Amino acid sequence: MEHEWIIRVECQERRWINMKDLEFVKKIAIDAGGHLLKRFNHLTFKDISFKDRYEIVTKLDFESEKIILKAIQKEYPNHEILSEEAGRIKGKNSDYLWLIDPLDGTTNYKIGSPLFAVLIALVYKNEIQFGLAYAPALGEFYEVELGKATKFNNRKIHVSKTDKINESINLYCHGSTKKDIERAIGVYSKLKLSGRDSRQLGCAALEFGFVAAGRAESILIPGAHPWDVAAGVLMVREACGRVTDFEGKEWNLDSKDILASNGKIHNELLKIIKGV
């Protein structure tokens, strides 16, 4: 893969990957999303199974993943992949890592809610290079390149300017363990009383997109997996927001919790959720 490294000033100086790579990822996201849309609201009992007590998986998770993996492995056979259902797939060049959630918002998809998305990110030497979230039922496409503004349906977006916690809309999600859920309940109880409202949309991809677009002021997730949030992290950062763990340290691929916000209410949010 050939790369074009350019330094430009946006929220801060960053590098970006070339357009060929981004167009390739957009195409496979559209292909996978189109496949999901064909079966949306047409699942049968046989299409659904359970990973554990709190998490379901559908046949379409695997079918969407197969479309994405086949395309990436053909185009970039040496790259490493970490996908929600397939796990880690080793490559000859471990500097490149694809992070994939082939169906983010599986429960929403199962119950007929349009809040689901295909989520893809590429990491190079632990730095997120680009990411995208495609919500086919909504016709919404969030995309971001390192060092360039986040886009929503090809239009540049920016985090909100809200600087008062009592005027903020705060979103939350959680991992699949009982502990993650218990902590999310703690987060919700505090945020519901502190902000204007607090909601769980059930699709982290769109929740990060909402923050990047200024639709909401924050998204908090205890027990986040990198394939769930890497693309969203870059979206919020390049929309001039802030992303940390629950202790206020800059988020990285090893972080277990995540808080992404417009930056203006970030410190106050950290105080509110302290100890959760």
Protein backbone atom coordinates (compact mmCIF):
# COMPACT_ATOMS: atom_id res chain seq x y z
CA MET A 1 0.00 0.00 0.00
CA GLU A 2 1.34 3.39 -0.90
CA HIS A 3 0.73 6.26 1.47
CA GLU A 4 0.71 9.97 1.12
CA TRP A 5 1.82 11.63 4.36
CA ILE A 6 0.74 15.23 4.67
CA ILE A 7 0.89 17.51 7.69
CA ARG A 8 -1.96 19.98 7.91
CA VAL A 9 -3.48 21.98 10.75
CA GLU A 10 -7.06 21.25 11.75
CA CYS A 11 -7.73 20.57 15.42
CA GLN A 12 -4.07 19.66 15.65
CA GLU A 13 -1.36 18.43 13.28
CA ARG A 14 -2.09 14.94 12.03
CA ARG A 15 -1.23 12.61 9.14
CA TRP A 16 -3.70 11.13 6.69
CA ILE A 17 -3.88 8.11 4.47
CA ASN A 18 -4.50 8.31 0.70
CA MET A 19 -7.87 8.57 -0.99
CA LYS A 20 -7.64 5.16 -2.65
CA ASP A 21 -7.78 3.44 0.73
CA LEU A 22 -10.73 5.48 1.95
CA GLU A 23 -12.75 4.88 -1.21
CA PHE A 24 -12.06 1.15 -0.91
CA VAL A 25 -13.36 1.06 2.67
CA LYS A 26 -16.42 3.10 1.76
CA LYS A 27 -17.28 0.62 -0.99
CA ILE A 28 -17.08 -2.45 1.22
CA ALA A 29 -19.07 -0.70 3.97
CA ILE A 30 -21.78 0.10 1.41
CA ASP A 31 -21.73 -3.49 0.14
CA ALA A 32 -22.04 -4.91 3.67
CA GLY A 33 -24.66 -2.34 4.66
CA GLY A 34 -26.69 -3.09 1.55
CA HIS A 35 -26.69 -6.77 2.44
CA LEU A 36 -27.90 -5.98 5.95
CA LEU A 37 -30.67 -3.80 4.58
CA LYS A 38 -32.01 -6.61 2.37
CA ARG A 39 -32.75 -8.74 5.45
CA PHE A 40 -33.75 -5.89 7.78
CA ASN A 41 -37.12 -6.70 9.43
CA HIS A 42 -37.04 -10.17 7.87
CA LEU A 43 -35.12 -12.17 10.47
CA THR A 44 -36.43 -15.54 11.60
CA PHE A 45 -35.92 -17.33 14.90
CA LYS A 46 -33.26 -19.48 13.24
CA ASP A 47 -31.23 -16.36 12.35
CA ILE A 48 -30.67 -15.44 16.00
CA SER A 49 -28.42 -16.94 18.71
CA PHE A 50 -26.85 -15.82 21.96
CA LYS A 51 -23.19 -15.12 22.72
CA ASP A 52 -23.89 -14.93 26.45
CA ARG A 53 -26.55 -13.87 28.95
CA TYR A 54 -26.65 -10.25 27.74
CA GLU A 55 -25.60 -10.34 24.10
CA ILE A 56 -27.22 -11.69 20.95
CA VAL A 57 -25.75 -12.35 17.52
CA THR A 58 -27.51 -12.87 14.21
CA LYS A 59 -26.71 -14.71 11.02
CA LEU A 60 -26.36 -11.29 9.39
CA ASP A 61 -23.49 -10.32 11.70
CA PHE A 62 -21.48 -13.15 10.17
CA GLU A 63 -22.63 -12.53 6.60
CA SER A 64 -21.73 -8.83 6.80
CA GLU A 65 -18.38 -9.72 8.34
CA LYS A 66 -17.65 -12.22 5.56
CA ILE A 67 -18.18 -9.52 2.91
CA ILE A 68 -15.79 -7.15 4.68
CA LEU A 69 -13.08 -9.69 5.52
CA LYS A 70 -13.01 -11.16 2.03
CA ALA A 71 -12.49 -7.71 0.49
CA ILE A 72 -9.79 -6.61 2.95
CA GLN A 73 -7.85 -9.87 2.77
CA LYS A 74 -7.87 -9.73 -1.04
CA GLU A 75 -6.74 -6.08 -1.21
CA TYR A 76 -4.35 -6.10 1.78
CA PRO A 77 -3.32 -9.73 2.40
CA ASN A 78 -0.49 -8.81 4.79
CA HIS A 79 -2.58 -6.72 7.16
CA GLU A 80 -3.79 -7.86 10.56
CA ILE A 81 -7.52 -7.80 11.32
CA LEU A 82 -9.48 -7.70 14.57
CA SER A 83 -13.18 -8.26 13.97
CA GLU A 84 -15.92 -8.70 16.54
CA GLU A 85 -17.09 -12.13 15.42
CA ALA A 86 -13.98 -13.63 13.77
CA GLY A 87 -11.53 -12.35 16.38
CA ARG A 88 -7.91 -11.63 15.47
CA ILE A 89 -6.62 -12.66 12.06
CA LYS A 90 -2.85 -12.50 11.84
CA GLY A 91 -1.05 -10.80 8.99
CA LYS A 92 2.57 -10.55 7.89
CA ASN A 93 2.67 -6.83 8.61
CA SER A 94 1.43 -6.23 12.14
CA ASP A 95 1.90 -2.44 11.82
CA TYR A 96 -1.50 -2.32 10.10
CA LEU A 97 -4.60 -3.39 12.01
CA TRP A 98 -8.17 -3.28 10.74
CA LEU A 99 -10.87 -3.00 13.41
CA ILE A 100 -14.30 -4.19 12.28
CA ASP A 101 -17.79 -4.37 13.73
CA PRO A 102 -19.85 -5.79 10.86
CA LEU A 103 -23.17 -5.02 12.56
CA ASP A 104 -23.01 -2.48 15.36
CA GLY A 105 -26.40 -2.38 17.05
CA THR A 106 -27.32 -6.04 16.62
CA THR A 107 -30.20 -5.87 19.13
CA ASN A 108 -31.61 -2.83 17.33
CA TYR A 109 -31.37 -4.74 14.06
CA LYS A 110 -33.15 -7.70 15.59
CA ILE A 111 -36.09 -5.67 16.91
CA GLY A 112 -36.49 -3.58 13.76
CA SER A 113 -34.86 -0.34 14.90
CA PRO A 114 -32.97 1.50 12.11
CA LEU A 115 -30.18 2.47 14.52
CA PHE A 116 -27.53 0.01 13.34
CA ALA A 117 -24.34 0.47 11.34
CA VAL A 118 -21.28 -1.06 9.71
CA LEU A 119 -18.16 0.16 11.52
CA ILE A 120 -14.60 0.01 10.14
CA ALA A 121 -11.31 1.60 11.22
CA LEU A 122 -7.67 1.22 10.19
CA VAL A 123 -4.83 1.59 12.69
CA TYR A 124 -1.15 2.04 11.80
CA LYS A 125 1.38 1.62 14.61
CA ASN A 126 -1.36 2.16 17.22
CA GLU A 127 -2.57 5.39 15.58
CA ILE A 128 -6.03 5.44 14.01
CA GLN A 129 -5.69 6.42 10.35
CA PHE A 130 -9.31 6.55 9.29
CA GLY A 131 -12.71 5.29 10.22
CA LEU A 132 -16.27 5.24 9.05
CA ALA A 133 -19.74 4.30 10.17
CA TYR A 134 -22.47 3.55 7.64
CA ALA A 135 -26.08 3.33 8.79
CA PRO A 136 -27.88 1.92 5.72
CA ALA A 137 -31.43 2.15 7.09
CA LEU A 138 -30.92 5.86 7.81
CA GLY A 139 -28.84 6.65 4.75
CA GLU A 140 -26.21 8.18 7.05
CA PHE A 141 -22.48 8.00 6.41
CA TYR A 142 -19.86 9.27 8.85
CA GLU A 143 -16.26 9.22 7.68
CA VAL A 144 -12.97 10.63 8.88
CA GLU A 145 -9.33 10.70 7.82
CA LEU A 146 -6.50 11.43 10.19
CA GLY A 147 -5.76 15.15 10.03
CA LYS A 148 -8.93 16.07 8.15
CA ALA A 149 -12.37 17.18 9.28
CA THR A 150 -15.00 14.55 10.07
CA LYS A 151 -17.75 14.36 7.47
CA PHE A 152 -21.42 13.44 7.65
CA ASN A 153 -22.86 12.56 4.22
CA ASN A 154 -19.91 14.40 2.67
CA ARG A 155 -20.45 17.55 4.75
CA LYS A 156 -17.93 18.71 7.37
CA ILE A 157 -19.21 18.53 10.93
CA HIS A 158 -18.14 19.93 14.30
CA VAL A 159 -18.94 19.14 17.92
CA SER A 160 -21.50 21.30 19.71
CA LYS A 161 -20.70 24.54 21.49
CA THR A 162 -22.77 23.71 24.56
CA ASP A 163 -20.73 24.51 27.65
CA LYS A 164 -23.32 23.93 30.40
CA ILE A 165 -23.84 20.44 31.74
CA ASN A 166 -27.52 21.08 32.48
CA GLU A 167 -28.10 21.87 28.80
CA SER A 168 -26.29 18.77 27.50
CA ILE A 169 -27.60 15.59 25.89
CA ASN A 170 -25.42 12.73 27.12
CA LEU A 171 -25.44 9.28 25.57
CA TYR A 172 -24.22 6.05 27.14
CA CYS A 173 -23.55 2.48 26.19
CA HIS A 174 -21.80 -0.48 27.84
CA GLY A 175 -19.87 -3.68 27.33
CA SER A 176 -21.45 -7.12 27.59
CA THR A 177 -20.43 -8.15 31.12
CA LYS A 178 -22.62 -7.79 34.21
CA LYS A 179 -20.04 -5.41 35.71
CA ASP A 180 -20.12 -3.20 32.62
CA ILE A 181 -23.91 -3.03 32.77
CA GLU A 182 -23.91 -2.21 36.49
CA ARG A 183 -21.44 0.61 35.89
CA ALA A 184 -23.52 1.90 32.97
CA ILE A 185 -26.54 2.06 35.28
CA GLY A 186 -24.43 4.15 37.66
CA VAL A 187 -23.39 6.45 34.81
CA TYR A 188 -27.00 6.81 33.65
CA SER A 189 -28.36 7.64 37.10
CA LYS A 190 -25.82 10.44 37.50
CA LEU A 191 -26.12 11.85 33.98
CA LYS A 192 -29.91 11.73 33.89
CA LEU A 193 -30.04 14.10 36.86
CA SER A 194 -27.16 16.31 35.69
CA GLY A 195 -27.86 17.00 32.02
CA ARG A 196 -30.93 17.85 29.99
CA ASP A 197 -31.29 14.19 29.08
CA SER A 198 -29.38 10.91 28.93
CA ARG A 199 -30.10 8.15 26.44
CA GLN A 200 -28.86 4.78 25.21
CA LEU A 201 -29.28 4.46 21.45
CA GLY A 202 -27.87 0.95 21.30
CA CYS A 203 -25.37 1.69 18.53
CA ALA A 204 -21.99 3.12 19.54
CA ALA A 205 -21.12 3.97 15.93
CA LEU A 206 -24.02 6.40 15.68
CA GLU A 207 -23.58 7.70 19.22
CA PHE A 208 -20.04 8.81 18.41
CA GLY A 209 -21.32 10.25 15.14
CA PHE A 210 -23.98 12.20 17.01
CA VAL A 211 -21.33 13.73 19.28
CA ALA A 212 -19.08 14.59 16.33
CA ALA A 213 -22.02 16.23 14.54
CA GLY A 214 -23.12 18.25 17.58
CA ARG A 215 -26.36 16.31 17.95
CA ALA A 216 -25.33 15.27 21.46
CA GLU A 217 -22.63 16.46 23.84
CA SER A 218 -21.11 13.17 25.02
CA ILE A 219 -21.00 9.38 24.84
CA LEU A 220 -19.72 7.27 27.75
CA ILE A 221 -18.99 3.55 27.61
CA PRO A 222 -17.71 1.31 30.41
CA GLY A 223 -16.17 -1.86 28.95
CA ALA A 224 -15.62 -0.65 25.38
CA HIS A 225 -13.92 -2.87 22.79
CA PRO A 226 -11.58 -1.22 20.25
CA TRP A 227 -13.65 -2.40 17.25
CA ASP A 228 -16.68 -0.65 18.81
CA VAL A 229 -15.06 2.74 19.27
CA ALA A 230 -11.84 3.29 17.26
CA ALA A 231 -13.60 4.88 14.28
CA GLY A 232 -15.73 6.98 16.62
CA VAL A 233 -12.70 8.17 18.55
CA LEU A 234 -11.19 9.65 15.40
CA MET A 235 -14.55 11.11 14.37
CA VAL A 236 -14.90 13.05 17.62
CA ARG A 237 -11.25 14.11 17.76
CA GLU A 238 -11.24 15.45 14.20
CA ALA A 239 -14.53 17.23 14.87
CA CYS A 240 -12.56 19.07 17.58
CA GLY A 241 -13.94 17.11 20.54
CA ARG A 242 -12.06 15.32 23.31
CA VAL A 243 -11.72 11.60 24.06
CA THR A 244 -10.35 10.09 27.31
CA ASP A 245 -10.89 7.18 29.65
CA PHE A 246 -12.93 7.68 32.84
CA GLU A 247 -9.84 8.95 34.66
CA GLY A 248 -9.18 11.70 32.14
CA LYS A 249 -6.22 10.02 30.42
CA GLU A 250 -6.13 10.21 26.63
CA TRP A 251 -7.90 7.19 25.18
CA ASN A 252 -5.81 4.51 23.47
CA LEU A 253 -6.42 1.03 22.10
CA ASP A 254 -5.81 -0.54 25.52
CA SER A 255 -8.27 1.69 27.39
CA LYS A 256 -11.20 -0.15 28.99
CA ASP A 257 -13.57 2.79 29.37
CA ILE A 258 -14.24 5.77 27.14
CA LEU A 259 -15.67 9.26 27.42
CA ALA A 260 -16.01 11.29 24.21
CA SER A 261 -17.42 14.80 24.38
CA ASN A 262 -17.48 18.22 22.78
CA GLY A 263 -14.61 19.08 25.14
CA LYS A 264 -16.42 21.99 26.78
CA ILE A 265 -18.17 19.85 29.41
CA HIS A 266 -15.55 17.10 29.54
CA ASN A 267 -13.96 17.93 32.89
CA GLU A 268 -17.34 18.34 34.54
CA LEU A 269 -18.43 14.97 33.19
CA LEU A 270 -15.30 13.35 34.59
CA LYS A 271 -16.17 14.73 38.04
CA ILE A 272 -19.74 13.47 37.78
CA ILE A 273 -18.79 9.90 36.84
CA LYS A 274 -15.82 9.68 39.20
CA GLY A 275 -15.80 6.36 41.01
CA VAL A 276 -18.38 4.68 38.77
